[in-house]
Amino acid sequence: MGTIATDKKKLILYYHPETSIGKQAYAFALASNKKILAIDISKTKITGTQWLEISENLNTILSKLVNQEHPEFTNNYDSGLSLDKDDWIKVLQKHPETLRCPILVDGKNYHLIETPSKVSKLIEKEETAEDPRSKE
């Protein structure tokens, strides 16, 4: 059992509000008919275990969650430096603004939100699948 409580009737959005994609993804998620738990990672610390669970459910490695071109990353870490799993977790915890893009958890499905409209598309797809009238 994971540490992130998922629910098919609730969306969880991990985002940084100072990024344009974070602001837009949040707005799209709010427009959903589902309950939303918006987690502003600039205010809420995500545990190392949760970051690992997120990366595993996204089928990616932690380094892929970090925008390695972000000034906070380039100013604090050498480009040739080899970081391990714990180091990447520390990057995300100390510099949450380096999160590459928001992450949406919809039930058991985890998604990287690289464009804000992806939130809308995922929600529409989910709501259509749940609407019995869509099967007529």
N, C-alpha and C. Protein backbone atom coordinates (compact mmCIF):
# COMPACT_ATOMS: atom_id res chain seq x y z
N MET A 1 0.84 -1.18 0.00
CA MET A 1 0.00 0.00 0.00
C MET A 1 0.88 1.24 0.00
N GLY A 2 0.52 2.21 -0.83
CA GLY A 2 1.31 3.42 -0.93
C GLY A 2 0.99 4.40 0.17
N THR A 3 1.79 5.43 0.24
CA THR A 3 1.57 6.47 1.25
C THR A 3 0.64 7.56 0.75
N ILE A 4 0.39 7.59 -0.55
CA ILE A 4 -0.50 8.59 -1.14
C ILE A 4 -1.90 7.98 -1.24
N ALA A 5 -2.84 8.58 -0.52
CA ALA A 5 -4.21 8.07 -0.52
C ALA A 5 -4.91 8.52 -1.80
N THR A 6 -5.20 7.57 -2.66
CA THR A 6 -5.85 7.88 -3.93
C THR A 6 -7.34 7.53 -3.85
N ASP A 7 -8.12 8.20 -4.68
CA ASP A 7 -9.57 8.01 -4.69
C ASP A 7 -10.04 8.32 -6.11
N LYS A 8 -10.85 7.43 -6.69
CA LYS A 8 -11.28 7.65 -8.07
C LYS A 8 -12.20 8.86 -8.22
N LYS A 9 -12.72 9.38 -7.12
CA LYS A 9 -13.59 10.55 -7.17
C LYS A 9 -12.84 11.84 -6.82
N LYS A 10 -11.53 11.72 -6.64
CA LYS A 10 -10.75 12.89 -6.24
C LYS A 10 -9.48 13.00 -7.09
N LEU A 11 -9.17 14.22 -7.46
CA LEU A 11 -7.92 14.51 -8.16
C LEU A 11 -6.92 15.05 -7.15
N ILE A 12 -5.68 14.66 -7.30
CA ILE A 12 -4.60 15.25 -6.52
C ILE A 12 -3.67 15.93 -7.52
N LEU A 13 -3.40 17.19 -7.29
CA LEU A 13 -2.51 17.93 -8.17
C LEU A 13 -1.32 18.43 -7.37
N TYR A 14 -0.14 17.98 -7.73
CA TYR A 14 1.11 18.49 -7.15
C TYR A 14 1.61 19.56 -8.11
N TYR A 15 1.77 20.78 -7.61
CA TYR A 15 2.15 21.86 -8.50
C TYR A 15 2.90 22.95 -7.74
N HIS A 16 3.60 23.77 -8.48
CA HIS A 16 4.25 24.96 -7.93
C HIS A 16 3.52 26.17 -8.50
N PRO A 17 2.95 27.02 -7.66
CA PRO A 17 2.09 28.10 -8.14
C PRO A 17 2.81 29.25 -8.84
N GLU A 18 4.12 29.27 -8.77
CA GLU A 18 4.85 30.36 -9.40
C GLU A 18 5.22 30.07 -10.85
N THR A 19 4.84 28.88 -11.33
CA THR A 19 5.08 28.56 -12.73
C THR A 19 3.78 28.76 -13.50
N SER A 20 3.88 29.19 -14.75
CA SER A 20 2.66 29.41 -15.53
C SER A 20 1.91 28.10 -15.74
N ILE A 21 2.63 27.01 -15.98
CA ILE A 21 1.96 25.72 -16.19
C ILE A 21 1.29 25.26 -14.89
N GLY A 22 1.91 25.54 -13.76
CA GLY A 22 1.31 25.18 -12.47
C GLY A 22 0.02 25.94 -12.23
N LYS A 23 0.03 27.24 -12.49
CA LYS A 23 -1.19 28.05 -12.32
C LYS A 23 -2.31 27.57 -13.24
N GLN A 24 -1.96 27.32 -14.50
CA GLN A 24 -2.97 26.90 -15.47
C GLN A 24 -3.51 25.50 -15.18
N ALA A 25 -2.63 24.59 -14.80
CA ALA A 25 -3.06 23.23 -14.47
C ALA A 25 -4.01 23.26 -13.27
N TYR A 26 -3.70 24.11 -12.30
CA TYR A 26 -4.56 24.27 -11.13
C TYR A 26 -5.95 24.77 -11.55
N ALA A 27 -5.99 25.76 -12.43
CA ALA A 27 -7.27 26.30 -12.90
C ALA A 27 -8.08 25.23 -13.63
N PHE A 28 -7.44 24.44 -14.49
CA PHE A 28 -8.14 23.36 -15.21
C PHE A 28 -8.67 22.32 -14.22
N ALA A 29 -7.88 21.98 -13.21
CA ALA A 29 -8.30 20.98 -12.23
C ALA A 29 -9.50 21.48 -11.43
N LEU A 30 -9.51 22.77 -11.09
CA LEU A 30 -10.64 23.35 -10.36
C LEU A 30 -11.94 23.28 -11.16
N ALA A 31 -11.84 23.30 -12.46
CA ALA A 31 -13.01 23.26 -13.33
C ALA A 31 -13.63 21.86 -13.41
N SER A 32 -12.95 20.88 -12.85
CA SER A 32 -13.44 19.50 -12.88
C SER A 32 -14.65 19.33 -11.96
N ASN A 33 -15.44 18.30 -12.26
CA ASN A 33 -16.57 17.94 -11.39
C ASN A 33 -16.10 17.14 -10.18
N LYS A 34 -14.85 16.73 -10.19
CA LYS A 34 -14.32 15.94 -9.09
C LYS A 34 -13.81 16.84 -7.97
N LYS A 35 -13.70 16.25 -6.80
CA LYS A 35 -13.05 16.95 -5.69
C LYS A 35 -11.58 17.07 -6.05
N ILE A 36 -10.95 18.14 -5.60
CA ILE A 36 -9.54 18.31 -5.89
C ILE A 36 -8.77 18.58 -4.62
N LEU A 37 -7.65 17.91 -4.51
CA LEU A 37 -6.70 18.19 -3.45
C LEU A 37 -5.49 18.78 -4.16
N ALA A 38 -5.36 20.09 -4.08
CA ALA A 38 -4.24 20.77 -4.74
C ALA A 38 -3.11 20.92 -3.72
N ILE A 39 -1.98 20.37 -4.04
CA ILE A 39 -0.84 20.42 -3.14
C ILE A 39 0.19 21.38 -3.71
N ASP A 40 0.28 22.53 -3.08
CA ASP A 40 1.24 23.56 -3.43
C ASP A 40 2.57 23.14 -2.82
N ILE A 41 3.48 22.64 -3.65
CA ILE A 41 4.73 22.09 -3.12
C ILE A 41 5.69 23.17 -2.60
N SER A 42 5.34 24.45 -2.82
CA SER A 42 6.16 25.51 -2.23
C SER A 42 5.80 25.69 -0.75
N LYS A 43 4.65 25.17 -0.34
CA LYS A 43 4.18 25.31 1.05
C LYS A 43 4.10 23.98 1.79
N THR A 44 3.88 22.91 1.05
CA THR A 44 3.71 21.59 1.65
C THR A 44 4.90 20.72 1.27
N LYS A 45 5.60 20.23 2.29
CA LYS A 45 6.77 19.38 2.02
C LYS A 45 6.29 17.97 1.66
N ILE A 46 6.76 17.49 0.55
CA ILE A 46 6.48 16.14 0.09
C ILE A 46 7.59 15.25 0.63
N THR A 47 7.23 14.16 1.27
CA THR A 47 8.25 13.29 1.86
C THR A 47 9.04 12.57 0.78
N GLY A 48 10.20 12.09 1.15
CA GLY A 48 11.01 11.31 0.21
C GLY A 48 10.27 10.07 -0.26
N THR A 49 9.55 9.42 0.65
CA THR A 49 8.77 8.24 0.29
C THR A 49 7.70 8.59 -0.73
N GLN A 50 7.06 9.74 -0.56
CA GLN A 50 6.03 10.15 -1.51
C GLN A 50 6.64 10.47 -2.87
N TRP A 51 7.80 11.15 -2.90
CA TRP A 51 8.45 11.42 -4.19
C TRP A 51 8.80 10.10 -4.90
N LEU A 52 9.28 9.13 -4.13
CA LEU A 52 9.59 7.82 -4.73
C LEU A 52 8.34 7.16 -5.29
N GLU A 53 7.25 7.21 -4.52
CA GLU A 53 5.99 6.62 -4.97
C GLU A 53 5.49 7.31 -6.24
N ILE A 54 5.60 8.63 -6.28
CA ILE A 54 5.18 9.38 -7.46
C ILE A 54 6.00 8.96 -8.67
N SER A 55 7.32 8.92 -8.52
CA SER A 55 8.16 8.57 -9.67
C SER A 55 7.91 7.14 -10.13
N GLU A 56 7.70 6.23 -9.19
CA GLU A 56 7.41 4.84 -9.56
C GLU A 56 6.09 4.73 -10.31
N ASN A 57 5.07 5.45 -9.84
CA ASN A 57 3.76 5.39 -10.51
C ASN A 57 3.77 6.10 -11.86
N LEU A 58 4.71 6.99 -12.06
CA LEU A 58 4.88 7.64 -13.36
C LEU A 58 5.79 6.82 -14.28
N ASN A 59 6.34 5.74 -13.74
CA ASN A 59 7.31 4.91 -14.47
C ASN A 59 8.49 5.73 -14.96
N THR A 60 9.01 6.54 -14.07
CA THR A 60 10.17 7.36 -14.42
C THR A 60 11.11 7.43 -13.23
N ILE A 61 12.28 7.97 -13.46
CA ILE A 61 13.24 8.13 -12.37
C ILE A 61 13.15 9.56 -11.83
N LEU A 62 13.58 9.73 -10.59
CA LEU A 62 13.46 11.02 -9.92
C LEU A 62 14.10 12.17 -10.69
N SER A 63 15.23 11.92 -11.32
CA SER A 63 15.91 13.00 -12.04
C SER A 63 15.06 13.57 -13.16
N LYS A 64 14.14 12.76 -13.70
CA LYS A 64 13.26 13.22 -14.78
C LYS A 64 12.16 14.15 -14.27
N LEU A 65 11.97 14.21 -12.95
CA LEU A 65 10.99 15.12 -12.38
C LEU A 65 11.55 16.53 -12.17
N VAL A 66 12.86 16.65 -12.31
CA VAL A 66 13.54 17.93 -12.04
C VAL A 66 13.89 18.63 -13.34
N ASN A 67 13.56 19.92 -13.40
CA ASN A 67 13.98 20.76 -14.53
C ASN A 67 15.43 21.13 -14.27
N GLN A 68 16.33 20.42 -14.91
CA GLN A 68 17.75 20.61 -14.66
C GLN A 68 18.31 21.86 -15.32
N GLU A 69 17.46 22.59 -16.02
CA GLU A 69 17.87 23.87 -16.61
C GLU A 69 17.35 25.05 -15.79
N HIS A 70 16.57 24.75 -14.75
CA HIS A 70 16.04 25.81 -13.89
C HIS A 70 17.21 26.50 -13.17
N PRO A 71 17.18 27.83 -13.05
CA PRO A 71 18.28 28.55 -12.38
C PRO A 71 18.59 28.05 -10.97
N GLU A 72 17.58 27.66 -10.21
CA GLU A 72 17.84 27.15 -8.85
C GLU A 72 18.64 25.85 -8.90
N PHE A 73 18.44 25.07 -9.94
CA PHE A 73 19.22 23.84 -10.07
C PHE A 73 20.63 24.16 -10.55
N THR A 74 20.73 24.93 -11.62
CA THR A 74 22.06 25.21 -12.19
C THR A 74 22.94 26.02 -11.24
N ASN A 75 22.33 26.87 -10.41
CA ASN A 75 23.10 27.67 -9.45
C ASN A 75 23.57 26.87 -8.25
N ASN A 76 22.91 25.76 -7.96
CA ASN A 76 23.22 25.00 -6.75
C ASN A 76 23.88 23.64 -7.00
N TYR A 77 23.86 23.17 -8.23
CA TYR A 77 24.39 21.84 -8.51
C TYR A 77 25.25 21.89 -9.77
N ASP A 78 26.39 21.19 -9.72
CA ASP A 78 27.27 21.11 -10.88
C ASP A 78 26.63 20.20 -11.93
N SER A 79 26.76 20.60 -13.19
CA SER A 79 26.15 19.82 -14.27
C SER A 79 26.74 18.42 -14.39
N GLY A 80 28.00 18.25 -14.07
CA GLY A 80 28.64 16.94 -14.18
C GLY A 80 28.47 16.08 -12.94
N LEU A 81 27.83 16.63 -11.92
CA LEU A 81 27.65 15.93 -10.66
C LEU A 81 26.71 14.75 -10.81
N SER A 82 27.10 13.64 -10.23
CA SER A 82 26.26 12.45 -10.28
C SER A 82 25.44 12.40 -8.98
N LEU A 83 24.13 12.52 -9.12
CA LEU A 83 23.26 12.51 -7.96
C LEU A 83 22.56 11.17 -7.83
N ASP A 84 22.44 10.71 -6.58
CA ASP A 84 21.71 9.46 -6.37
C ASP A 84 20.26 9.76 -6.00
N LYS A 85 19.49 8.74 -5.75
CA LYS A 85 18.07 8.86 -5.47
C LYS A 85 17.81 9.84 -4.31
N ASP A 86 18.57 9.70 -3.23
CA ASP A 86 18.39 10.59 -2.07
C ASP A 86 18.72 12.04 -2.42
N ASP A 87 19.72 12.24 -3.27
CA ASP A 87 20.09 13.59 -3.69
C ASP A 87 18.96 14.25 -4.49
N TRP A 88 18.34 13.47 -5.38
CA TRP A 88 17.24 14.03 -6.20
C TRP A 88 16.05 14.39 -5.32
N ILE A 89 15.80 13.58 -4.30
CA ILE A 89 14.72 13.90 -3.35
C ILE A 89 15.04 15.20 -2.64
N LYS A 90 16.29 15.37 -2.23
CA LYS A 90 16.69 16.62 -1.55
C LYS A 90 16.54 17.83 -2.47
N VAL A 91 16.86 17.66 -3.75
CA VAL A 91 16.68 18.76 -4.71
C VAL A 91 15.21 19.17 -4.74
N LEU A 92 14.32 18.19 -4.88
CA LEU A 92 12.89 18.49 -4.94
C LEU A 92 12.36 19.09 -3.64
N GLN A 93 12.92 18.67 -2.52
CA GLN A 93 12.46 19.20 -1.24
C GLN A 93 13.02 20.60 -0.95
N LYS A 94 14.29 20.82 -1.25
CA LYS A 94 14.91 22.13 -0.98
C LYS A 94 14.56 23.17 -2.03
N HIS A 95 14.33 22.72 -3.25
CA HIS A 95 14.05 23.62 -4.37
C HIS A 95 12.82 23.12 -5.14
N PRO A 96 11.64 23.20 -4.51
CA PRO A 96 10.43 22.67 -5.17
C PRO A 96 10.11 23.35 -6.49
N GLU A 97 10.61 24.56 -6.68
CA GLU A 97 10.37 25.26 -7.94
C GLU A 97 11.04 24.58 -9.13
N THR A 98 11.92 23.62 -8.85
CA THR A 98 12.59 22.90 -9.95
C THR A 98 11.75 21.72 -10.47
N LEU A 99 10.58 21.48 -9.88
CA LEU A 99 9.71 20.42 -10.41
C LEU A 99 9.44 20.73 -11.87
N ARG A 100 9.71 19.77 -12.73
CA ARG A 100 9.62 19.98 -14.18
C ARG A 100 8.23 20.38 -14.63
N CYS A 101 7.20 19.75 -14.08
CA CYS A 101 5.83 20.08 -14.45
C CYS A 101 4.90 19.52 -13.37
N PRO A 102 3.69 20.02 -13.31
CA PRO A 102 2.75 19.50 -12.32
C PRO A 102 2.49 18.00 -12.53
N ILE A 103 2.02 17.38 -11.46
CA ILE A 103 1.70 15.95 -11.49
C ILE A 103 0.25 15.79 -11.05
N LEU A 104 -0.52 15.10 -11.85
CA LEU A 104 -1.93 14.87 -11.54
C LEU A 104 -2.14 13.40 -11.21
N VAL A 105 -2.78 13.17 -10.08
CA VAL A 105 -3.14 11.81 -9.68
C VAL A 105 -4.65 11.72 -9.77
N ASP A 106 -5.11 10.82 -10.63
CA ASP A 106 -6.54 10.63 -10.85
C ASP A 106 -6.84 9.17 -10.55
N GLY A 107 -7.35 8.91 -9.36
CA GLY A 107 -7.52 7.53 -8.94
C GLY A 107 -6.15 6.88 -8.80
N LYS A 108 -5.95 5.80 -9.50
CA LYS A 108 -4.65 5.10 -9.46
C LYS A 108 -3.72 5.54 -10.59
N ASN A 109 -4.17 6.50 -11.41
CA ASN A 109 -3.39 6.95 -12.56
C ASN A 109 -2.62 8.22 -12.25
N TYR A 110 -1.35 8.20 -12.57
CA TYR A 110 -0.45 9.34 -12.36
C TYR A 110 -0.06 9.89 -13.72
N HIS A 111 -0.06 11.22 -13.83
CA HIS A 111 0.24 11.87 -15.10
C HIS A 111 1.16 13.07 -14.91
N LEU A 112 2.16 13.19 -15.77
CA LEU A 112 2.95 14.42 -15.84
C LEU A 112 2.15 15.39 -16.71
N ILE A 113 1.96 16.58 -16.21
CA ILE A 113 1.16 17.58 -16.93
C ILE A 113 2.12 18.56 -17.60
N GLU A 114 2.51 18.20 -18.81
CA GLU A 114 3.48 19.03 -19.54
C GLU A 114 2.82 20.20 -20.26
N THR A 115 1.52 20.09 -20.48
CA THR A 115 0.74 21.21 -21.01
C THR A 115 -0.53 21.30 -20.19
N PRO A 116 -0.96 22.50 -19.83
CA PRO A 116 -2.15 22.64 -18.99
C PRO A 116 -3.40 21.99 -19.59
N SER A 117 -3.51 22.02 -20.89
CA SER A 117 -4.70 21.44 -21.52
C SER A 117 -4.77 19.92 -21.31
N LYS A 118 -3.64 19.30 -20.96
CA LYS A 118 -3.66 17.86 -20.69
C LYS A 118 -4.57 17.55 -19.50
N VAL A 119 -4.63 18.45 -18.53
CA VAL A 119 -5.53 18.27 -17.39
C VAL A 119 -6.96 18.17 -17.89
N SER A 120 -7.33 19.12 -18.73
CA SER A 120 -8.69 19.15 -19.27
C SER A 120 -9.00 17.88 -20.05
N LYS A 121 -8.08 17.43 -20.88
CA LYS A 121 -8.28 16.23 -21.69
C LYS A 121 -8.45 14.99 -20.81
N LEU A 122 -7.62 14.88 -19.77
CA LEU A 122 -7.70 13.73 -18.87
C LEU A 122 -9.02 13.73 -18.11
N ILE A 123 -9.44 14.90 -17.65
CA ILE A 123 -10.69 15.01 -16.90
C ILE A 123 -11.88 14.69 -17.81
N GLU A 124 -11.89 15.23 -19.02
CA GLU A 124 -12.98 14.95 -19.96
C GLU A 124 -13.07 13.46 -20.26
N LYS A 125 -11.93 12.84 -20.48
CA LYS A 125 -11.89 11.41 -20.78
C LYS A 125 -12.46 10.63 -19.61
N GLU A 126 -12.06 10.98 -18.40
CA GLU A 126 -12.52 10.29 -17.20
C GLU A 126 -14.01 10.51 -16.98
N GLU A 127 -14.47 11.75 -17.13
CA GLU A 127 -15.89 12.05 -16.90
C GLU A 127 -16.77 11.39 -17.95
N THR A 128 -16.30 11.30 -19.18
CA THR A 128 -17.05 10.63 -20.24
C THR A 128 -17.17 9.14 -19.94
N ALA A 129 -16.09 8.55 -19.45
CA ALA A 129 -16.10 7.13 -19.13
C ALA A 129 -17.04 6.83 -17.97
N GLU A 130 -17.20 7.78 -17.04
CA GLU A 130 -18.06 7.56 -15.88
C GLU A 130 -19.53 7.87 -16.17
N ASP A 131 -19.81 8.65 -17.20
CA ASP A 131 -21.18 9.08 -17.50
C ASP A 131 -21.92 7.96 -18.23
N PRO A 132 -22.95 7.38 -17.62
CA PRO A 132 -23.68 6.27 -18.29
C PRO A 132 -24.33 6.72 -19.59
N ARG A 133 -24.64 7.99 -19.73
CA ARG A 133 -25.26 8.49 -20.97
C ARG A 133 -24.28 8.43 -22.13
N SER A 134 -22.96 8.42 -21.83
CA SER A 134 -21.97 8.40 -22.91
C SER A 134 -21.92 7.03 -23.60
N LYS A 135 -22.56 6.01 -22.99
CA LYS A 135 -22.54 4.67 -23.57
C LYS A 135 -23.79 4.37 -24.39
N GLU A 136 -24.68 5.33 -24.49
CA GLU A 136 -25.91 5.12 -25.27
C GLU A 136 -25.66 5.16 -26.73
